[in-house]
Amino acid sequence: MTPRNAFLINIVLAVLWAAYQEQWSTNSLVIGFAVGYVLLSILHHGYGSLVFHVISYVIFLIWSILKSSIQVAWVVLEPTLKLDQGIVAVPLEARTDLEISLLATSITLTPGTLSVDTGWNAQGEHVLYVHNLVMGNAADVRRSVQQDFERRILRITRGGEVS
């Protein structure tokens, strides 16, 4: 059973749990999902970690969006506009369209950054071109995209085998 199938079974269990209650409610659906989650985590080893990684990534992404929003607001509200914008090529470990799309979308959702394009660098590596409003050190931008975003996405799509 794949983690995706386990998730679909979890949803079915939640709906069945709610259907067997006297009154259909959001609370019974949530409780049904939690009960299904516990059962499936016991029966299917990788399912519990998948849901954990998805929830932690969503929390990380929301935190990144809030933090970047404050940083961009600070840059814009300073008396003298100090933009150091640039585009950096980030070598990718992500290979599938889903992994690359999730990464590019996450970067674009974060204020001050924008995924521009994908391509190949001179070393033959697949790269994502990222525009940053305040570039600073390009190596730090690369490291941030790879360690903060890509690593977390790969944990979700590849089942936690990425460190």
N, C-alpha and C. Protein backbone atom coordinates (compact mmCIF):
# COMPACT_ATOMS: atom_id res chain seq x y z
N MET A 1 0.85 -1.17 0.00
CA MET A 1 0.00 0.00 0.00
C MET A 1 0.90 1.24 0.00
N THR A 2 0.65 2.12 -0.94
CA THR A 2 1.43 3.34 -1.03
C THR A 2 0.90 4.36 -0.02
N PRO A 3 1.72 5.33 0.36
CA PRO A 3 1.23 6.37 1.28
C PRO A 3 0.02 7.13 0.72
N ARG A 4 -0.03 7.31 -0.59
CA ARG A 4 -1.17 8.00 -1.20
C ARG A 4 -2.45 7.18 -0.98
N ASN A 5 -2.36 5.87 -1.18
CA ASN A 5 -3.52 5.00 -0.95
C ASN A 5 -3.91 5.00 0.52
N ALA A 6 -2.91 5.00 1.40
CA ALA A 6 -3.19 5.04 2.83
C ALA A 6 -3.93 6.32 3.19
N PHE A 7 -3.55 7.44 2.57
CA PHE A 7 -4.24 8.70 2.84
C PHE A 7 -5.69 8.64 2.37
N LEU A 8 -5.91 8.06 1.19
CA LEU A 8 -7.29 7.92 0.69
C LEU A 8 -8.11 7.02 1.60
N ILE A 9 -7.51 5.94 2.08
CA ILE A 9 -8.20 5.06 3.03
C ILE A 9 -8.50 5.82 4.32
N ASN A 10 -7.58 6.67 4.75
CA ASN A 10 -7.79 7.48 5.95
C ASN A 10 -8.99 8.41 5.78
N ILE A 11 -9.13 8.99 4.61
CA ILE A 11 -10.28 9.86 4.34
C ILE A 11 -11.58 9.05 4.36
N VAL A 12 -11.56 7.87 3.74
CA VAL A 12 -12.74 7.01 3.73
C VAL A 12 -13.11 6.61 5.16
N LEU A 13 -12.12 6.25 5.98
CA LEU A 13 -12.39 5.91 7.37
C LEU A 13 -12.99 7.09 8.14
N ALA A 14 -12.52 8.29 7.86
CA ALA A 14 -13.05 9.48 8.53
C ALA A 14 -14.51 9.70 8.15
N VAL A 15 -14.84 9.54 6.87
CA VAL A 15 -16.22 9.71 6.41
C VAL A 15 -17.12 8.63 7.01
N LEU A 16 -16.63 7.38 7.03
CA LEU A 16 -17.42 6.30 7.63
C LEU A 16 -17.64 6.54 9.12
N TRP A 17 -16.62 6.98 9.81
CA TRP A 17 -16.76 7.28 11.24
C TRP A 17 -17.83 8.34 11.45
N ALA A 18 -17.77 9.41 10.66
CA ALA A 18 -18.75 10.49 10.80
C ALA A 18 -20.15 10.01 10.43
N ALA A 19 -20.25 9.11 9.45
CA ALA A 19 -21.56 8.61 9.02
C ALA A 19 -22.21 7.74 10.09
N TYR A 20 -21.41 7.06 10.91
CA TYR A 20 -21.97 6.20 11.95
C TYR A 20 -22.33 6.97 13.22
N GLN A 21 -22.05 8.23 13.26
CA GLN A 21 -22.41 9.04 14.42
C GLN A 21 -23.87 9.49 14.29
N GLU A 22 -24.49 9.86 15.40
CA GLU A 22 -25.88 10.28 15.38
C GLU A 22 -26.09 11.51 14.50
N GLN A 23 -25.14 12.42 14.58
CA GLN A 23 -25.27 13.65 13.80
C GLN A 23 -23.94 13.92 13.09
N TRP A 24 -24.03 14.22 11.81
CA TRP A 24 -22.86 14.52 11.00
C TRP A 24 -22.30 15.87 11.44
N SER A 25 -21.00 15.90 11.75
CA SER A 25 -20.38 17.17 12.15
C SER A 25 -18.91 17.16 11.76
N THR A 26 -18.35 18.33 11.76
CA THR A 26 -16.93 18.47 11.46
C THR A 26 -16.09 17.79 12.53
N ASN A 27 -16.54 17.89 13.78
CA ASN A 27 -15.80 17.25 14.87
C ASN A 27 -15.72 15.74 14.69
N SER A 28 -16.84 15.12 14.29
CA SER A 28 -16.81 13.67 14.11
C SER A 28 -15.92 13.29 12.93
N LEU A 29 -15.86 14.14 11.92
CA LEU A 29 -14.98 13.89 10.77
C LEU A 29 -13.51 13.98 11.19
N VAL A 30 -13.18 14.98 12.00
CA VAL A 30 -11.81 15.14 12.49
C VAL A 30 -11.43 13.97 13.39
N ILE A 31 -12.34 13.57 14.27
CA ILE A 31 -12.06 12.44 15.16
C ILE A 31 -11.88 11.17 14.33
N GLY A 32 -12.72 10.99 13.31
CA GLY A 32 -12.59 9.83 12.43
C GLY A 32 -11.26 9.82 11.70
N PHE A 33 -10.81 10.99 11.27
CA PHE A 33 -9.52 11.07 10.60
C PHE A 33 -8.40 10.71 11.57
N ALA A 34 -8.50 11.21 12.82
CA ALA A 34 -7.46 10.92 13.81
C ALA A 34 -7.42 9.42 14.14
N VAL A 35 -8.59 8.81 14.29
CA VAL A 35 -8.63 7.37 14.58
C VAL A 35 -8.05 6.59 13.40
N GLY A 36 -8.44 6.97 12.18
CA GLY A 36 -7.89 6.32 11.00
C GLY A 36 -6.39 6.51 10.87
N TYR A 37 -5.93 7.69 11.23
CA TYR A 37 -4.50 7.98 11.19
C TYR A 37 -3.72 7.06 12.13
N VAL A 38 -4.23 6.92 13.34
CA VAL A 38 -3.56 6.05 14.32
C VAL A 38 -3.55 4.61 13.81
N LEU A 39 -4.68 4.12 13.34
CA LEU A 39 -4.75 2.75 12.84
C LEU A 39 -3.81 2.52 11.66
N LEU A 40 -3.85 3.44 10.69
CA LEU A 40 -3.01 3.28 9.51
C LEU A 40 -1.52 3.45 9.84
N SER A 41 -1.21 4.28 10.81
CA SER A 41 0.19 4.45 11.22
C SER A 41 0.74 3.17 11.82
N ILE A 42 -0.13 2.43 12.51
CA ILE A 42 0.29 1.15 13.07
C ILE A 42 0.44 0.11 11.96
N LEU A 43 -0.51 0.09 11.02
CA LEU A 43 -0.50 -0.93 9.97
C LEU A 43 0.48 -0.64 8.84
N HIS A 44 0.65 0.64 8.53
CA HIS A 44 1.52 1.03 7.41
C HIS A 44 2.59 1.97 7.96
N HIS A 45 3.80 1.46 8.09
CA HIS A 45 4.88 2.16 8.79
C HIS A 45 5.14 3.57 8.26
N GLY A 46 5.20 3.78 6.96
CA GLY A 46 5.58 5.08 6.42
C GLY A 46 4.49 6.14 6.46
N TYR A 47 3.24 5.73 6.73
CA TYR A 47 2.14 6.68 6.67
C TYR A 47 2.22 7.77 7.74
N GLY A 48 2.56 7.39 8.95
CA GLY A 48 2.64 8.37 10.03
C GLY A 48 3.68 9.44 9.76
N SER A 49 4.84 9.02 9.25
CA SER A 49 5.89 10.00 8.98
C SER A 49 5.52 10.89 7.79
N LEU A 50 4.80 10.35 6.81
CA LEU A 50 4.38 11.16 5.66
C LEU A 50 3.48 12.30 6.11
N VAL A 51 2.48 11.98 6.90
CA VAL A 51 1.55 13.01 7.37
C VAL A 51 2.30 14.02 8.23
N PHE A 52 3.22 13.54 9.08
CA PHE A 52 4.03 14.44 9.90
C PHE A 52 4.84 15.39 9.03
N HIS A 53 5.49 14.86 7.97
CA HIS A 53 6.31 15.71 7.09
C HIS A 53 5.45 16.72 6.32
N VAL A 54 4.27 16.33 5.92
CA VAL A 54 3.38 17.25 5.20
C VAL A 54 2.95 18.39 6.13
N ILE A 55 2.52 18.05 7.33
CA ILE A 55 2.09 19.07 8.29
C ILE A 55 3.25 20.00 8.65
N SER A 56 4.43 19.43 8.89
CA SER A 56 5.58 20.28 9.25
C SER A 56 5.99 21.17 8.08
N TYR A 57 5.83 20.68 6.83
CA TYR A 57 6.17 21.53 5.69
C TYR A 57 5.18 22.69 5.54
N VAL A 58 3.91 22.42 5.75
CA VAL A 58 2.91 23.48 5.66
C VAL A 58 3.18 24.54 6.72
N ILE A 59 3.50 24.12 7.93
CA ILE A 59 3.83 25.07 9.00
C ILE A 59 5.09 25.86 8.63
N PHE A 60 6.12 25.16 8.12
CA PHE A 60 7.35 25.84 7.69
C PHE A 60 7.06 26.86 6.59
N LEU A 61 6.23 26.50 5.61
CA LEU A 61 5.93 27.40 4.50
C LEU A 61 5.18 28.64 4.98
N ILE A 62 4.21 28.45 5.86
CA ILE A 62 3.48 29.60 6.41
C ILE A 62 4.43 30.51 7.18
N TRP A 63 5.30 29.91 7.99
CA TRP A 63 6.29 30.71 8.73
C TRP A 63 7.21 31.46 7.78
N SER A 64 7.66 30.82 6.70
CA SER A 64 8.54 31.47 5.72
C SER A 64 7.84 32.62 5.03
N ILE A 65 6.57 32.44 4.71
CA ILE A 65 5.80 33.50 4.06
C ILE A 65 5.66 34.70 4.99
N LEU A 66 5.35 34.44 6.25
CA LEU A 66 5.22 35.54 7.22
C LEU A 66 6.55 36.27 7.43
N LYS A 67 7.62 35.49 7.62
CA LYS A 67 8.94 36.08 7.84
C LYS A 67 9.38 36.91 6.63
N SER A 68 9.19 36.38 5.43
CA SER A 68 9.58 37.10 4.22
C SER A 68 8.72 38.34 4.00
N SER A 69 7.46 38.26 4.36
CA SER A 69 6.58 39.43 4.23
C SER A 69 7.09 40.58 5.07
N ILE A 70 7.51 40.27 6.28
CA ILE A 70 8.06 41.30 7.17
C ILE A 70 9.36 41.85 6.60
N GLN A 71 10.23 40.98 6.09
CA GLN A 71 11.50 41.42 5.51
C GLN A 71 11.28 42.32 4.29
N VAL A 72 10.35 41.94 3.42
CA VAL A 72 10.07 42.76 2.23
C VAL A 72 9.45 44.09 2.65
N ALA A 73 8.54 44.07 3.61
CA ALA A 73 7.95 45.33 4.09
C ALA A 73 9.02 46.24 4.67
N TRP A 74 9.96 45.67 5.39
CA TRP A 74 11.06 46.46 5.96
C TRP A 74 11.90 47.10 4.86
N VAL A 75 12.21 46.33 3.81
CA VAL A 75 13.02 46.86 2.70
C VAL A 75 12.27 47.99 2.00
N VAL A 76 10.98 47.80 1.78
CA VAL A 76 10.18 48.81 1.06
C VAL A 76 9.98 50.06 1.90
N LEU A 77 9.83 49.92 3.21
CA LEU A 77 9.55 51.08 4.06
C LEU A 77 10.79 51.85 4.49
N GLU A 78 11.99 51.34 4.23
CA GLU A 78 13.20 52.08 4.56
C GLU A 78 13.24 53.37 3.75
N PRO A 79 13.81 54.44 4.34
CA PRO A 79 13.86 55.73 3.62
C PRO A 79 14.57 55.64 2.27
N THR A 80 15.65 54.88 2.21
CA THR A 80 16.34 54.70 0.94
C THR A 80 16.17 53.24 0.51
N LEU A 81 15.69 53.06 -0.68
CA LEU A 81 15.42 51.71 -1.18
C LEU A 81 16.75 51.03 -1.51
N LYS A 82 17.05 49.95 -0.81
CA LYS A 82 18.31 49.24 -0.98
C LYS A 82 18.05 47.86 -1.57
N LEU A 83 17.82 47.84 -2.87
CA LEU A 83 17.58 46.56 -3.53
C LEU A 83 18.90 46.01 -4.06
N ASP A 84 19.09 44.75 -3.87
CA ASP A 84 20.26 44.05 -4.38
C ASP A 84 19.75 42.81 -5.10
N GLN A 85 18.87 43.03 -6.07
CA GLN A 85 18.21 41.91 -6.71
C GLN A 85 19.11 41.18 -7.69
N GLY A 86 18.78 39.92 -7.87
CA GLY A 86 19.55 39.12 -8.79
C GLY A 86 18.91 37.76 -8.98
N ILE A 87 19.45 37.03 -9.94
CA ILE A 87 18.96 35.69 -10.24
C ILE A 87 20.10 34.71 -9.97
N VAL A 88 19.77 33.62 -9.28
CA VAL A 88 20.75 32.61 -8.95
C VAL A 88 20.26 31.26 -9.46
N ALA A 89 21.18 30.46 -9.97
CA ALA A 89 20.86 29.10 -10.42
C ALA A 89 21.06 28.14 -9.25
N VAL A 90 20.00 27.44 -8.89
CA VAL A 90 20.04 26.51 -7.76
C VAL A 90 20.04 25.08 -8.31
N PRO A 91 21.15 24.33 -8.15
CA PRO A 91 21.16 22.93 -8.60
C PRO A 91 20.10 22.12 -7.85
N LEU A 92 19.41 21.28 -8.58
CA LEU A 92 18.29 20.54 -8.01
C LEU A 92 18.61 19.07 -7.79
N GLU A 93 18.16 18.58 -6.65
CA GLU A 93 18.13 17.15 -6.42
C GLU A 93 16.76 16.61 -6.82
N ALA A 94 15.77 17.50 -6.84
CA ALA A 94 14.42 17.14 -7.26
C ALA A 94 14.45 16.73 -8.73
N ARG A 95 13.74 15.66 -9.06
CA ARG A 95 13.76 15.14 -10.43
C ARG A 95 12.39 15.11 -11.08
N THR A 96 11.35 14.82 -10.31
CA THR A 96 10.03 14.67 -10.93
C THR A 96 9.37 16.03 -11.11
N ASP A 97 8.38 16.06 -12.00
CA ASP A 97 7.65 17.30 -12.22
C ASP A 97 6.96 17.77 -10.94
N LEU A 98 6.43 16.82 -10.16
CA LEU A 98 5.76 17.18 -8.91
C LEU A 98 6.74 17.84 -7.94
N GLU A 99 7.91 17.26 -7.76
CA GLU A 99 8.90 17.82 -6.84
C GLU A 99 9.33 19.22 -7.27
N ILE A 100 9.61 19.38 -8.56
CA ILE A 100 10.06 20.68 -9.07
C ILE A 100 8.94 21.71 -8.99
N SER A 101 7.71 21.29 -9.30
CA SER A 101 6.57 22.22 -9.22
C SER A 101 6.31 22.66 -7.80
N LEU A 102 6.36 21.74 -6.85
CA LEU A 102 6.17 22.11 -5.45
C LEU A 102 7.25 23.09 -4.99
N LEU A 103 8.48 22.83 -5.38
CA LEU A 103 9.58 23.71 -5.00
C LEU A 103 9.41 25.09 -5.62
N ALA A 104 9.14 25.14 -6.91
CA ALA A 104 8.99 26.43 -7.60
C ALA A 104 7.80 27.21 -7.05
N THR A 105 6.70 26.53 -6.77
CA THR A 105 5.53 27.20 -6.23
C THR A 105 5.79 27.72 -4.83
N SER A 106 6.45 26.93 -4.01
CA SER A 106 6.76 27.36 -2.64
C SER A 106 7.65 28.60 -2.64
N ILE A 107 8.63 28.61 -3.52
CA ILE A 107 9.54 29.76 -3.61
C ILE A 107 8.78 30.99 -4.08
N THR A 108 7.91 30.82 -5.06
CA THR A 108 7.15 31.95 -5.59
C THR A 108 6.15 32.47 -4.57
N LEU A 109 5.60 31.61 -3.73
CA LEU A 109 4.68 32.06 -2.68
C LEU A 109 5.37 32.90 -1.61
N THR A 110 6.67 32.71 -1.46
CA THR A 110 7.42 33.44 -0.45
C THR A 110 7.76 34.83 -0.98
N PRO A 111 7.27 35.90 -0.34
CA PRO A 111 7.52 37.26 -0.83
C PRO A 111 9.01 37.56 -0.97
N GLY A 112 9.35 38.25 -2.04
CA GLY A 112 10.73 38.64 -2.30
C GLY A 112 11.49 37.65 -3.17
N THR A 113 10.88 36.50 -3.44
CA THR A 113 11.52 35.51 -4.30
C THR A 113 10.55 35.10 -5.39
N LEU A 114 11.11 34.65 -6.51
CA LEU A 114 10.30 34.24 -7.65
C LEU A 114 11.06 33.19 -8.44
N SER A 115 10.39 32.08 -8.70
CA SER A 115 10.99 31.05 -9.57
C SER A 115 10.83 31.52 -11.00
N VAL A 116 11.94 31.59 -11.73
CA VAL A 116 11.92 32.16 -13.06
C VAL A 116 11.83 31.08 -14.13
N ASP A 117 12.70 30.06 -14.02
CA ASP A 117 12.78 29.05 -15.07
C ASP A 117 13.59 27.86 -14.56
N THR A 118 13.54 26.77 -15.31
CA THR A 118 14.43 25.65 -15.04
C THR A 118 15.30 25.46 -16.25
N GLY A 119 16.43 24.82 -16.05
CA GLY A 119 17.35 24.59 -17.16
C GLY A 119 18.51 23.73 -16.70
N TRP A 120 19.60 23.82 -17.44
CA TRP A 120 20.80 23.04 -17.15
C TRP A 120 21.98 23.99 -17.06
N ASN A 121 22.85 23.78 -16.08
CA ASN A 121 24.04 24.62 -15.97
C ASN A 121 25.20 24.01 -16.75
N ALA A 122 26.36 24.64 -16.69
CA ALA A 122 27.53 24.19 -17.46
C ALA A 122 28.02 22.81 -17.02
N GLN A 123 27.73 22.42 -15.78
CA GLN A 123 28.15 21.11 -15.28
C GLN A 123 27.13 20.02 -15.62
N GLY A 124 26.07 20.37 -16.31
CA GLY A 124 25.05 19.41 -16.69
C GLY A 124 24.03 19.12 -15.60
N GLU A 125 24.00 19.95 -14.56
CA GLU A 125 23.04 19.77 -13.47
C GLU A 125 21.73 20.47 -13.82
N HIS A 126 20.61 19.86 -13.42
CA HIS A 126 19.31 20.48 -13.58
C HIS A 126 19.21 21.60 -12.54
N VAL A 127 18.88 22.81 -12.96
CA VAL A 127 18.85 23.94 -12.05
C VAL A 127 17.50 24.66 -12.12
N LEU A 128 17.18 25.33 -11.03
CA LEU A 128 16.03 26.22 -10.95
C LEU A 128 16.57 27.62 -10.80
N TYR A 129 16.15 28.52 -11.68
CA TYR A 129 16.59 29.91 -11.60
C TYR A 129 15.62 30.67 -10.69
N VAL A 130 16.19 31.27 -9.65
CA VAL A 130 15.39 31.96 -8.64
C VAL A 130 15.80 33.43 -8.59
N HIS A 131 14.81 34.32 -8.72
CA HIS A 131 15.05 35.76 -8.57
C HIS A 131 14.81 36.11 -7.11
N ASN A 132 15.74 36.89 -6.54
CA ASN A 132 15.62 37.31 -5.15
C ASN A 132 15.69 38.82 -5.10
N LEU A 133 14.78 39.43 -4.34
CA LEU A 133 14.72 40.88 -4.24
C LEU A 133 15.96 41.46 -3.56
N VAL A 134 16.42 40.79 -2.51
CA VAL A 134 17.64 41.20 -1.82
C VAL A 134 18.57 39.99 -1.84
N MET A 135 19.49 39.99 -2.81
CA MET A 135 20.30 38.81 -3.07
C MET A 135 21.30 38.53 -1.95
N GLY A 136 22.10 39.51 -1.58
CA GLY A 136 23.16 39.23 -0.61
C GLY A 136 24.15 38.27 -1.22
N ASN A 137 24.45 37.19 -0.52
CA ASN A 137 25.39 36.19 -0.99
C ASN A 137 24.61 35.10 -1.76
N ALA A 138 24.97 34.88 -3.02
CA ALA A 138 24.27 33.91 -3.85
C ALA A 138 24.36 32.50 -3.28
N ALA A 139 25.48 32.16 -2.66
CA ALA A 139 25.65 30.84 -2.06
C ALA A 139 24.67 30.63 -0.91
N ASP A 140 24.39 31.69 -0.15
CA ASP A 140 23.41 31.59 0.94
C ASP A 140 21.99 31.37 0.40
N VAL A 141 21.68 32.02 -0.72
CA VAL A 141 20.37 31.83 -1.34
C VAL A 141 20.23 30.39 -1.83
N ARG A 142 21.26 29.88 -2.50
CA ARG A 142 21.26 28.49 -2.97
C ARG A 142 21.07 27.52 -1.81
N ARG A 143 21.85 27.70 -0.77
CA ARG A 143 21.78 26.83 0.40
C ARG A 143 20.40 26.89 1.04
N SER A 144 19.83 28.08 1.14
CA SER A 144 18.51 28.23 1.74
C SER A 144 17.44 27.49 0.94
N VAL A 145 17.48 27.61 -0.38
CA VAL A 145 16.50 26.91 -1.21
C VAL A 145 16.67 25.41 -1.09
N GLN A 146 17.91 24.94 -1.15
CA GLN A 146 18.17 23.50 -1.09
C GLN A 146 17.87 22.91 0.28
N GLN A 147 18.32 23.55 1.34
CA GLN A 147 18.18 23.00 2.68
C GLN A 147 16.80 23.26 3.29
N ASP A 148 16.27 24.47 3.08
CA ASP A 148 15.02 24.82 3.72
C ASP A 148 13.80 24.30 2.96
N PHE A 149 13.81 24.42 1.65
CA PHE A 149 12.63 24.05 0.86
C PHE A 149 12.77 22.67 0.22
N GLU A 150 13.80 22.49 -0.60
CA GLU A 150 13.91 21.26 -1.38
C GLU A 150 14.02 20.02 -0.49
N ARG A 151 14.82 20.08 0.54
CA ARG A 151 15.00 18.93 1.43
C ARG A 151 13.68 18.51 2.06
N ARG A 152 12.88 19.47 2.47
CA ARG A 152 11.58 19.15 3.10
C ARG A 152 10.61 18.55 2.08
N ILE A 153 10.62 19.08 0.87
CA ILE A 153 9.74 18.55 -0.17
C ILE A 153 10.13 17.13 -0.53
N LEU A 154 11.42 16.87 -0.64
CA LEU A 154 11.88 15.52 -0.97
C LEU A 154 11.54 14.52 0.13
N ARG A 155 11.52 14.96 1.38
CA ARG A 155 11.10 14.07 2.46
C ARG A 155 9.65 13.63 2.28
N ILE A 156 8.84 14.52 1.75
CA ILE A 156 7.43 14.18 1.51
C ILE A 156 7.30 13.25 0.30
N THR A 157 7.91 13.64 -0.81
CA THR A 157 7.71 12.88 -2.06
C THR A 157 8.48 11.58 -2.09
N ARG A 158 9.58 11.48 -1.35
CA ARG A 158 10.39 10.26 -1.39
C ARG A 158 10.28 9.44 -0.11
N GLY A 159 9.36 9.80 0.74
CA GLY A 159 9.11 8.98 1.92
C GLY A 159 10.08 9.14 3.06
N GLY A 160 10.67 10.29 3.23
CA GLY A 160 11.53 10.55 4.38
C GLY A 160 12.94 10.03 4.27
N GLU A 161 13.35 9.53 3.09
CA GLU A 161 14.69 8.97 2.95
C GLU A 161 15.77 10.04 2.75
N VAL A 162 15.37 11.28 2.58
CA VAL A 162 16.33 12.38 2.37
C VAL A 162 16.67 12.98 3.72
N SER A 163 17.96 13.20 3.95
CA SER A 163 18.36 13.78 5.25
C SER A 163 18.55 15.27 5.15
